[in-house]
Amino acid sequence: ECTDCPAGTYQDGKGETSCKKCDPDTYLSKTGKASKADCVACASDKTTGLLYGSTTSTSCKCIRNDFYQNSNGTCHACPDGADCSYRDGIALPQLVALNGFW
């Protein structure tokens, strides 16, 4: 019995018994998709990290080292002297100063 692939997955082969997960840096919120091309790419300043099969755009976080993320999910360049390397999607209040800065 055939069923739709869940969100975050697709199946592009006939007669397959499992769904394929969307690659990192993409997401798919709809079910029943039949192509890898249906997976939506994150913006160029965002990533899902190593996560496969993301289902929402909120899985895309601002890329560590280069950006921090505000409460609206907008990416901003990491300020001079700040360490933005802790995790993807780090918030401004979570930033710490690099050595030599305060």
PDB file of N, CA and C in Angstrom:
ATOM      1  N   GLU A   1       0.839  -1.180   0.000  1.00  0.00           N
ATOM      2  CA  GLU A   1       0.000   0.000   0.000  1.00  0.00           C
ATOM      3  C   GLU A   1       0.882   1.241   0.000  1.00  0.00           C
ATOM      4  N   CYS A   2       0.647   2.139  -0.912  1.00  0.00           N
ATOM      5  CA  CYS A   2       1.441   3.362  -1.032  1.00  0.00           C
ATOM      6  C   CYS A   2       0.896   4.447  -0.108  1.00  0.00           C
ATOM      7  N   THR A   3       1.811   5.196   0.491  1.00  0.00           N
ATOM      8  CA  THR A   3       1.441   6.344   1.321  1.00  0.00           C
ATOM      9  C   THR A   3       2.339   7.515   0.948  1.00  0.00           C
ATOM     10  N   ASP A   4       1.875   8.711   1.220  1.00  0.00           N
ATOM     11  CA  ASP A   4       2.667   9.904   0.946  1.00  0.00           C
ATOM     12  C   ASP A   4       3.896   9.942   1.838  1.00  0.00           C
ATOM     13  N   CYS A   5       4.989  10.432   1.287  1.00  0.00           N
ATOM     14  CA  CYS A   5       6.178  10.674   2.099  1.00  0.00           C
ATOM     15  C   CYS A   5       5.868  11.833   3.045  1.00  0.00           C
ATOM     16  N   PRO A   6       6.327  11.753   4.296  1.00  0.00           N
ATOM     17  CA  PRO A   6       6.079  12.851   5.233  1.00  0.00           C
ATOM     18  C   PRO A   6       6.908  14.087   4.892  1.00  0.00           C
ATOM     19  N   ALA A   7       6.588  15.191   5.543  1.00  0.00           N
ATOM     20  CA  ALA A   7       7.352  16.428   5.372  1.00  0.00           C
ATOM     21  C   ALA A   7       8.824  16.147   5.639  1.00  0.00           C
ATOM     22  N   GLY A   8       9.692  16.823   4.899  1.00  0.00           N
ATOM     23  CA  GLY A   8      11.134  16.637   5.052  1.00  0.00           C
ATOM     24  C   GLY A   8      11.696  15.513   4.198  1.00  0.00           C
ATOM     25  N   THR A   9      10.805  14.814   3.487  1.00  0.00           N
ATOM     26  CA  THR A   9      11.226  13.674   2.662  1.00  0.00           C
ATOM     27  C   THR A   9      10.519  13.692   1.309  1.00  0.00           C
ATOM     28  N   TYR A  10      11.053  12.899   0.399  1.00  0.00           N
ATOM     29  CA  TYR A  10      10.491  12.773  -0.948  1.00  0.00           C
ATOM     30  C   TYR A  10      10.839  11.381  -1.460  1.00  0.00           C
ATOM     31  N   GLN A  11      10.241  10.984  -2.562  1.00  0.00           N
ATOM     32  CA  GLN A  11      10.609   9.723  -3.218  1.00  0.00           C
ATOM     33  C   GLN A  11      10.540   9.938  -4.715  1.00  0.00           C
ATOM     34  N   ASP A  12      11.696   9.769  -5.373  1.00  0.00           N
ATOM     35  CA  ASP A  12      11.763   9.994  -6.817  1.00  0.00           C
ATOM     36  C   ASP A  12      11.930   8.705  -7.616  1.00  0.00           C
ATOM     37  N   GLY A  13      11.774   7.569  -6.957  1.00  0.00           N
ATOM     38  CA  GLY A  13      11.885   6.288  -7.651  1.00  0.00           C
ATOM     39  C   GLY A  13      10.595   5.507  -7.575  1.00  0.00           C
ATOM     40  N   LYS A  14      10.294   4.772  -8.617  1.00  0.00           N
ATOM     41  CA  LYS A  14       9.066   3.963  -8.635  1.00  0.00           C
ATOM     42  C   LYS A  14       9.291   2.663  -7.871  1.00  0.00           C
ATOM     43  N   GLY A  15       8.292   2.246  -7.129  1.00  0.00           N
ATOM     44  CA  GLY A  15       8.341   0.989  -6.420  1.00  0.00           C
ATOM     45  C   GLY A  15       9.207   0.998  -5.169  1.00  0.00           C
ATOM     46  N   GLU A  16       9.684   2.133  -4.746  1.00  0.00           N
ATOM     47  CA  GLU A  16      10.510   2.218  -3.540  1.00  0.00           C
ATOM     48  C   GLU A  16       9.640   2.069  -2.298  1.00  0.00           C
ATOM     49  N   THR A  17      10.225   1.550  -1.249  1.00  0.00           N
ATOM     50  CA  THR A  17       9.460   1.305  -0.022  1.00  0.00           C
ATOM     51  C   THR A  17       9.793   2.284   1.099  1.00  0.00           C
ATOM     52  N   SER A  18      10.685   3.240   0.835  1.00  0.00           N
ATOM     53  CA  SER A  18      11.015   4.240   1.850  1.00  0.00           C
ATOM     54  C   SER A  18      11.230   5.590   1.176  1.00  0.00           C
ATOM     55  N   CYS A  19      11.188   6.620   1.976  1.00  0.00           N
ATOM     56  CA  CYS A  19      11.366   7.977   1.472  1.00  0.00           C
ATOM     57  C   CYS A  19      12.797   8.437   1.715  1.00  0.00           C
ATOM     58  N   LYS A  20      13.258   9.383   0.918  1.00  0.00           N
ATOM     59  CA  LYS A  20      14.595   9.962   1.055  1.00  0.00           C
ATOM     60  C   LYS A  20      14.464  11.292   1.787  1.00  0.00           C
ATOM     61  N   LYS A  21      15.408  11.565   2.694  1.00  0.00           N
ATOM     62  CA  LYS A  21      15.396  12.817   3.444  1.00  0.00           C
ATOM     63  C   LYS A  21      16.032  13.935   2.622  1.00  0.00           C
ATOM     64  N   CYS A  22      15.494  15.138   2.774  1.00  0.00           N
ATOM     65  CA  CYS A  22      16.107  16.308   2.145  1.00  0.00           C
ATOM     66  C   CYS A  22      17.501  16.502   2.734  1.00  0.00           C
ATOM     67  N   ASP A  23      18.414  17.002   1.915  1.00  0.00           N
ATOM     68  CA  ASP A  23      19.795  17.229   2.324  1.00  0.00           C
ATOM     69  C   ASP A  23      19.903  18.360   3.342  1.00  0.00           C
ATOM     70  N   PRO A  24      21.041  18.425   4.049  1.00  0.00           N
ATOM     71  CA  PRO A  24      21.293  19.588   4.909  1.00  0.00           C
ATOM     72  C   PRO A  24      21.183  20.881   4.101  1.00  0.00           C
ATOM     73  N   ASP A  25      20.832  21.943   4.787  1.00  0.00           N
ATOM     74  CA  ASP A  25      20.650  23.286   4.214  1.00  0.00           C
ATOM     75  C   ASP A  25      19.435  23.383   3.311  1.00  0.00           C
ATOM     76  N   THR A  26      18.519  22.418   3.453  1.00  0.00           N
ATOM     77  CA  THR A  26      17.235  22.464   2.763  1.00  0.00           C
ATOM     78  C   THR A  26      16.147  22.015   3.734  1.00  0.00           C
ATOM     79  N   TYR A  27      14.897  22.291   3.377  1.00  0.00           N
ATOM     80  CA  TYR A  27      13.748  21.828   4.162  1.00  0.00           C
ATOM     81  C   TYR A  27      12.577  21.595   3.225  1.00  0.00           C
ATOM     82  N   LEU A  28      11.595  20.845   3.706  1.00  0.00           N
ATOM     83  CA  LEU A  28      10.404  20.559   2.908  1.00  0.00           C
ATOM     84  C   LEU A  28       9.224  20.433   3.865  1.00  0.00           C
ATOM     85  N   SER A  29       8.288  21.358   3.785  1.00  0.00           N
ATOM     86  CA  SER A  29       7.172  21.371   4.728  1.00  0.00           C
ATOM     87  C   SER A  29       5.937  20.619   4.221  1.00  0.00           C
ATOM     88  N   LYS A  30       5.935  20.252   2.951  1.00  0.00           N
ATOM     89  CA  LYS A  30       4.772  19.572   2.382  1.00  0.00           C
ATOM     90  C   LYS A  30       4.998  18.061   2.325  1.00  0.00           C
ATOM     91  N   THR A  31       3.910  17.319   2.319  1.00  0.00           N
ATOM     92  CA  THR A  31       3.970  15.862   2.227  1.00  0.00           C
ATOM     93  C   THR A  31       3.763  15.422   0.780  1.00  0.00           C
ATOM     94  N   GLY A  32       4.123  14.176   0.494  1.00  0.00           N
ATOM     95  CA  GLY A  32       3.826  13.582  -0.803  1.00  0.00           C
ATOM     96  C   GLY A  32       4.645  14.103  -1.967  1.00  0.00           C
ATOM     97  N   LYS A  33       5.828  14.598  -1.705  1.00  0.00           N
ATOM     98  CA  LYS A  33       6.648  15.152  -2.778  1.00  0.00           C
ATOM     99  C   LYS A  33       7.478  14.063  -3.451  1.00  0.00           C
ATOM    100  N   ALA A  34       7.766  14.274  -4.762  1.00  0.00           N
ATOM    101  CA  ALA A  34       8.379  13.233  -5.570  1.00  0.00           C
ATOM    102  C   ALA A  34       9.709  13.627  -6.187  1.00  0.00           C
ATOM    103  N   SER A  35      10.349  14.689  -5.682  1.00  0.00           N
ATOM    104  CA  SER A  35      11.609  15.112  -6.272  1.00  0.00           C
ATOM    105  C   SER A  35      12.484  15.810  -5.240  1.00  0.00           C
ATOM    106  N   LYS A  36      13.779  15.593  -5.353  1.00  0.00           N
ATOM    107  CA  LYS A  36      14.740  16.304  -4.514  1.00  0.00           C
ATOM    108  C   LYS A  36      14.626  17.806  -4.743  1.00  0.00           C
ATOM    109  N   ALA A  37      14.217  18.207  -5.944  1.00  0.00           N
ATOM    110  CA  ALA A  37      14.058  19.623  -6.286  1.00  0.00           C
ATOM    111  C   ALA A  37      12.945  20.284  -5.468  1.00  0.00           C
ATOM    112  N   ASP A  38      12.073  19.498  -4.842  1.00  0.00           N
ATOM    113  CA  ASP A  38      11.022  20.053  -3.992  1.00  0.00           C
ATOM    114  C   ASP A  38      11.567  20.549  -2.661  1.00  0.00           C
ATOM    115  N   CYS A  39      12.758  20.095  -2.274  1.00  0.00           N
ATOM    116  CA  CYS A  39      13.382  20.557  -1.043  1.00  0.00           C
ATOM    117  C   CYS A  39      13.822  22.007  -1.250  1.00  0.00           C
ATOM    118  N   VAL A  40      13.432  22.877  -0.339  1.00  0.00           N
ATOM    119  CA  VAL A  40      13.681  24.312  -0.452  1.00  0.00           C
ATOM    120  C   VAL A  40      15.016  24.656   0.206  1.00  0.00           C
ATOM    121  N   ALA A  41      15.861  25.377  -0.500  1.00  0.00           N
ATOM    122  CA  ALA A  41      17.174  25.757   0.024  1.00  0.00           C
ATOM    123  C   ALA A  41      17.040  26.863   1.069  1.00  0.00           C
ATOM    124  N   CYS A  42      17.857  26.772   2.108  1.00  0.00           N
ATOM    125  CA  CYS A  42      17.963  27.856   3.087  1.00  0.00           C
ATOM    126  C   CYS A  42      18.597  29.060   2.397  1.00  0.00           C
ATOM    127  N   ALA A  43      18.372  30.249   2.941  1.00  0.00           N
ATOM    128  CA  ALA A  43      19.036  31.448   2.433  1.00  0.00           C
ATOM    129  C   ALA A  43      20.548  31.264   2.544  1.00  0.00           C
ATOM    130  N   SER A  44      21.303  31.995   1.762  1.00  0.00           N
ATOM    131  CA  SER A  44      22.758  31.802   1.709  1.00  0.00           C
ATOM    132  C   SER A  44      23.455  32.092   3.031  1.00  0.00           C
ATOM    133  N   ASP A  45      22.829  32.862   3.924  1.00  0.00           N
ATOM    134  CA  ASP A  45      23.438  33.147   5.227  1.00  0.00           C
ATOM    135  C   ASP A  45      22.925  32.226   6.330  1.00  0.00           C
ATOM    136  N   LYS A  46      22.192  31.161   5.930  1.00  0.00           N
ATOM    137  CA  LYS A  46      21.615  30.233   6.915  1.00  0.00           C
ATOM    138  C   LYS A  46      21.965  28.786   6.587  1.00  0.00           C
ATOM    139  N   THR A  47      21.869  27.927   7.611  1.00  0.00           N
ATOM    140  CA  THR A  47      22.186  26.515   7.473  1.00  0.00           C
ATOM    141  C   THR A  47      21.322  25.684   8.415  1.00  0.00           C
ATOM    142  N   THR A  48      21.167  24.418   8.102  1.00  0.00           N
ATOM    143  CA  THR A  48      20.544  23.473   9.028  1.00  0.00           C
ATOM    144  C   THR A  48      21.618  22.664   9.740  1.00  0.00           C
ATOM    145  N   GLY A  49      22.873  23.045   9.523  1.00  0.00           N
ATOM    146  CA  GLY A  49      23.968  22.262  10.102  1.00  0.00           C
ATOM    147  C   GLY A  49      24.074  20.930   9.388  1.00  0.00           C
ATOM    148  N   LEU A  50      24.143  19.861  10.140  1.00  0.00           N
ATOM    149  CA  LEU A  50      24.262  18.523   9.558  1.00  0.00           C
ATOM    150  C   LEU A  50      22.922  17.806   9.488  1.00  0.00           C
ATOM    151  N   LEU A  51      21.839  18.513   9.781  1.00  0.00           N
ATOM    152  CA  LEU A  51      20.512  17.924   9.875  1.00  0.00           C
ATOM    153  C   LEU A  51      19.928  17.586   8.502  1.00  0.00           C
ATOM    154  N   TYR A  52      19.519  16.344   8.330  1.00  0.00           N
ATOM    155  CA  TYR A  52      18.803  15.881   7.135  1.00  0.00           C
ATOM    156  C   TYR A  52      17.309  15.849   7.447  1.00  0.00           C
ATOM    157  N   GLY A  53      16.463  16.093   6.456  1.00  0.00           N
ATOM    158  CA  GLY A  53      15.019  15.940   6.617  1.00  0.00           C
ATOM    159  C   GLY A  53      14.343  17.058   7.380  1.00  0.00           C
ATOM    160  N   SER A  54      14.870  18.269   7.305  1.00  0.00           N
ATOM    161  CA  SER A  54      14.237  19.403   7.991  1.00  0.00           C
ATOM    162  C   SER A  54      12.860  19.670   7.392  1.00  0.00           C
ATOM    163  N   THR A  55      11.928  20.103   8.245  1.00  0.00           N
ATOM    164  CA  THR A  55      10.541  20.262   7.804  1.00  0.00           C
ATOM    165  C   THR A  55      10.042  21.701   7.773  1.00  0.00           C
ATOM    166  N   THR A  56      10.789  22.642   8.342  1.00  0.00           N
ATOM    167  CA  THR A  56      10.335  24.038   8.353  1.00  0.00           C
ATOM    168  C   THR A  56      11.493  24.985   8.070  1.00  0.00           C
ATOM    169  N   SER A  57      11.157  26.193   7.638  1.00  0.00           N
ATOM    170  CA  SER A  57      12.179  27.200   7.372  1.00  0.00           C
ATOM    171  C   SER A  57      12.893  27.623   8.649  1.00  0.00           C
ATOM    172  N   THR A  58      12.256  27.441   9.804  1.00  0.00           N
ATOM    173  CA  THR A  58      12.902  27.799  11.072  1.00  0.00           C
ATOM    174  C   THR A  58      14.049  26.856  11.416  1.00  0.00           C
ATOM    175  N   SER A  59      14.168  25.761  10.689  1.00  0.00           N
ATOM    176  CA  SER A  59      15.322  24.866  10.860  1.00  0.00           C
ATOM    177  C   SER A  59      16.593  25.516  10.317  1.00  0.00           C
ATOM    178  N   CYS A  60      16.426  26.512   9.454  1.00  0.00           N
ATOM    179  CA  CYS A  60      17.565  27.236   8.881  1.00  0.00           C
ATOM    180  C   CYS A  60      17.994  28.326   9.861  1.00  0.00           C
ATOM    181  N   LYS A  61      19.177  28.206  10.396  1.00  0.00           N
ATOM    182  CA  LYS A  61      19.720  29.138  11.388  1.00  0.00           C
ATOM    183  C   LYS A  61      20.885  29.908  10.773  1.00  0.00           C
ATOM    184  N   CYS A  62      21.119  31.114  11.282  1.00  0.00           N
ATOM    185  CA  CYS A  62      22.243  31.916  10.807  1.00  0.00           C
ATOM    186  C   CYS A  62      23.551  31.167  11.044  1.00  0.00           C
ATOM    187  N   ILE A  63      24.435  31.205  10.067  1.00  0.00           N
ATOM    188  CA  ILE A  63      25.675  30.435  10.089  1.00  0.00           C
ATOM    189  C   ILE A  63      26.624  30.956  11.168  1.00  0.00           C
ATOM    190  N   ARG A  64      27.064  30.035  12.015  1.00  0.00           N
ATOM    191  CA  ARG A  64      28.006  30.390  13.089  1.00  0.00           C
ATOM    192  C   ARG A  64      29.263  31.014  12.508  1.00  0.00           C
ATOM    193  N   ASN A  65      29.993  31.687  13.327  1.00  0.00           N
ATOM    194  CA  ASN A  65      31.225  32.406  13.005  1.00  0.00           C
ATOM    195  C   ASN A  65      30.969  33.707  12.261  1.00  0.00           C
ATOM    196  N   ASP A  66      30.107  33.698  11.250  1.00  0.00           N
ATOM    197  CA  ASP A  66      29.894  34.877  10.421  1.00  0.00           C
ATOM    198  C   ASP A  66      28.732  35.754  10.885  1.00  0.00           C
ATOM    199  N   PHE A  67      27.721  35.146  11.531  1.00  0.00           N
ATOM    200  CA  PHE A  67      26.489  35.860  11.842  1.00  0.00           C
ATOM    201  C   PHE A  67      25.971  35.554  13.240  1.00  0.00           C
ATOM    202  N   TYR A  68      25.134  36.460  13.760  1.00  0.00           N
ATOM    203  CA  TYR A  68      24.267  36.169  14.892  1.00  0.00           C
ATOM    204  C   TYR A  68      22.843  36.378  14.390  1.00  0.00           C
ATOM    205  N   GLN A  69      21.853  35.914  15.158  1.00  0.00           N
ATOM    206  CA  GLN A  69      20.472  35.921  14.704  1.00  0.00           C
ATOM    207  C   GLN A  69      19.615  36.722  15.683  1.00  0.00           C
ATOM    208  N   ASN A  70      18.791  37.662  15.172  1.00  0.00           N
ATOM    209  CA  ASN A  70      17.910  38.403  16.071  1.00  0.00           C
ATOM    210  C   ASN A  70      16.628  37.603  16.318  1.00  0.00           C
ATOM    211  N   SER A  71      15.724  38.157  17.129  1.00  0.00           N
ATOM    212  CA  SER A  71      14.511  37.427  17.514  1.00  0.00           C
ATOM    213  C   SER A  71      13.560  37.188  16.343  1.00  0.00           C
ATOM    214  N   ASN A  72      13.723  37.925  15.256  1.00  0.00           N
ATOM    215  CA  ASN A  72      12.912  37.724  14.049  1.00  0.00           C
ATOM    216  C   ASN A  72      13.525  36.704  13.101  1.00  0.00           C
ATOM    217  N   GLY A  73      14.713  36.176  13.446  1.00  0.00           N
ATOM    218  CA  GLY A  73      15.388  35.208  12.594  1.00  0.00           C
ATOM    219  C   GLY A  73      16.258  35.840  11.524  1.00  0.00           C
ATOM    220  N   THR A  74      16.435  37.165  11.587  1.00  0.00           N
ATOM    221  CA  THR A  74      17.276  37.859  10.618  1.00  0.00           C
ATOM    222  C   THR A  74      18.740  37.720  11.012  1.00  0.00           C
ATOM    223  N   CYS A  75      19.600  37.491  10.028  1.00  0.00           N
ATOM    224  CA  CYS A  75      21.034  37.340  10.273  1.00  0.00           C
ATOM    225  C   CYS A  75      21.724  38.701  10.201  1.00  0.00           C
ATOM    226  N   HIS A  76      22.640  38.920  11.133  1.00  0.00           N
ATOM    227  CA  HIS A  76      23.447  40.138  11.160  1.00  0.00           C
ATOM    228  C   HIS A  76      24.909  39.725  11.267  1.00  0.00           C
ATOM    229  N   ALA A  77      25.783  40.488  10.627  1.00  0.00           N
ATOM    230  CA  ALA A  77      27.218  40.183  10.671  1.00  0.00           C
ATOM    231  C   ALA A  77      27.702  40.158  12.116  1.00  0.00           C
ATOM    232  N   CYS A  78      28.561  39.220  12.422  1.00  0.00           N
ATOM    233  CA  CYS A  78      29.134  39.117  13.760  1.00  0.00           C
ATOM    234  C   CYS A  78      29.934  40.397  14.037  1.00  0.00           C
ATOM    235  N   PRO A  79      29.682  41.063  15.166  1.00  0.00           N
ATOM    236  CA  PRO A  79      30.391  42.311  15.457  1.00  0.00           C
ATOM    237  C   PRO A  79      31.890  42.089  15.644  1.00  0.00           C
ATOM    238  N   ASP A  80      32.688  43.101  15.307  1.00  0.00           N
ATOM    239  CA  ASP A  80      34.131  43.025  15.541  1.00  0.00           C
ATOM    240  C   ASP A  80      34.374  42.762  17.019  1.00  0.00           C
ATOM    241  N   GLY A  81      35.229  41.816  17.320  1.00  0.00           N
ATOM    242  CA  GLY A  81      35.583  41.488  18.689  1.00  0.00           C
ATOM    243  C   GLY A  81      34.660  40.496  19.357  1.00  0.00           C
ATOM    244  N   ALA A  82      33.620  40.056  18.679  1.00  0.00           N
ATOM    245  CA  ALA A  82      32.679  39.089  19.253  1.00  0.00           C
ATOM    246  C   ALA A  82      32.976  37.690  18.743  1.00  0.00           C
ATOM    247  N   ASP A  83      32.640  36.704  19.553  1.00  0.00           N
ATOM    248  CA  ASP A  83      32.788  35.298  19.183  1.00  0.00           C
ATOM    249  C   ASP A  83      31.404  34.747  18.844  1.00  0.00           C
ATOM    250  N   CYS A  84      31.155  34.486  17.578  1.00  0.00           N
ATOM    251  CA  CYS A  84      29.865  33.972  17.111  1.00  0.00           C
ATOM    252  C   CYS A  84      29.956  32.485  16.759  1.00  0.00           C
ATOM    253  N   SER A  85      30.927  31.783  17.329  1.00  0.00           N
ATOM    254  CA  SER A  85      31.195  30.402  16.922  1.00  0.00           C
ATOM    255  C   SER A  85      30.499  29.342  17.757  1.00  0.00           C
ATOM    256  N   TYR A  86      29.780  29.721  18.810  1.00  0.00           N
ATOM    257  CA  TYR A  86      29.216  28.727  19.724  1.00  0.00           C
ATOM    258  C   TYR A  86      28.249  27.784  19.030  1.00  0.00           C
ATOM    259  N   ARG A  87      27.333  28.339  18.215  1.00  0.00           N
ATOM    260  CA  ARG A  87      26.364  27.490  17.497  1.00  0.00           C
ATOM    261  C   ARG A  87      25.714  28.302  16.381  1.00  0.00           C
ATOM    262  N   ASP A  88      25.123  27.603  15.425  1.00  0.00           N
ATOM    263  CA  ASP A  88      24.336  28.263  14.390  1.00  0.00           C
ATOM    264  C   ASP A  88      23.119  28.894  15.057  1.00  0.00           C
ATOM    265  N   GLY A  89      22.750  30.098  14.624  1.00  0.00           N
ATOM    266  CA  GLY A  89      21.575  30.762  15.168  1.00  0.00           C
ATOM    267  C   GLY A  89      21.800  31.416  16.511  1.00  0.00           C
ATOM    268  N   ILE A  90      23.044  31.662  16.876  1.00  0.00           N
ATOM    269  CA  ILE A  90      23.329  32.280  18.174  1.00  0.00           C
ATOM    270  C   ILE A  90      22.696  33.671  18.240  1.00  0.00           C
ATOM    271  N   ALA A  91      22.166  34.017  19.420  1.00  0.00           N
ATOM    272  CA  ALA A  91      21.521  35.316  19.620  1.00  0.00           C
ATOM    273  C   ALA A  91      22.523  36.320  20.179  1.00  0.00           C
ATOM    274  N   LEU A  92      22.267  37.595  19.960  1.00  0.00           N
ATOM    275  CA  LEU A  92      23.163  38.659  20.406  1.00  0.00           C
ATOM    276  C   LEU A  92      23.503  38.558  21.901  1.00  0.00           C
ATOM    277  N   PRO A  93      22.538  38.328  22.801  1.00  0.00           N
ATOM    278  CA  PRO A  93      22.879  38.246  24.228  1.00  0.00           C
ATOM    279  C   PRO A  93      23.793  37.056  24.577  1.00  0.00           C
ATOM    280  N   GLN A  94      23.912  36.094  23.688  1.00  0.00           N
ATOM    281  CA  GLN A  94      24.738  34.915  23.939  1.00  0.00           C
ATOM    282  C   GLN A  94      26.176  35.088  23.460  1.00  0.00           C
ATOM    283  N   LEU A  95      26.474  36.187  22.785  1.00  0.00           N
ATOM    284  CA  LEU A  95      27.820  36.409  22.270  1.00  0.00           C
ATOM    285  C   LEU A  95      28.775  36.726  23.417  1.00  0.00           C
ATOM    286  N   VAL A  96      29.996  36.275  23.274  1.00  0.00           N
ATOM    287  CA  VAL A  96      31.047  36.602  24.230  1.00  0.00           C
ATOM    288  C   VAL A  96      32.161  37.306  23.470  1.00  0.00           C
ATOM    289  N   ALA A  97      33.011  38.031  24.213  1.00  0.00           N
ATOM    290  CA  ALA A  97      34.101  38.773  23.591  1.00  0.00           C
ATOM    291  C   ALA A  97      35.279  37.834  23.292  1.00  0.00           C
ATOM    292  N   LEU A  98      35.943  38.095  22.187  1.00  0.00           N
ATOM    293  CA  LEU A  98      37.162  37.385  21.865  1.00  0.00           C
ATOM    294  C   LEU A  98      38.283  37.864  22.779  1.00  0.00           C
ATOM    295  N   ASN A  99      39.350  37.086  22.891  1.00  0.00           N
ATOM    296  CA  ASN A  99      40.505  37.509  23.675  1.00  0.00           C
ATOM    297  C   ASN A  99      40.983  38.870  23.176  1.00  0.00           C
ATOM    298  N   GLY A 100      41.282  39.756  24.121  1.00  0.00           N
ATOM    299  CA  GLY A 100      41.727  41.091  23.777  1.00  0.00           C
ATOM    300  C   GLY A 100      40.597  42.104  23.650  1.00  0.00           C
ATOM    301  N   PHE A 101      39.340  41.674  23.789  1.00  0.00           N
ATOM    302  CA  PHE A 101      38.183  42.548  23.711  1.00  0.00           C
ATOM    303  C   PHE A 101      37.361  42.413  24.990  1.00  0.00           C
ATOM    304  N   TRP A 102      36.549  43.393  25.262  1.00  0.00           N
ATOM    305  CA  TRP A 102      35.649  43.310  26.410  1.00  0.00           C
ATOM    306  C   TRP A 102      34.302  43.884  26.064  1.00  0.00           C
TER     307      TRP A 102
END
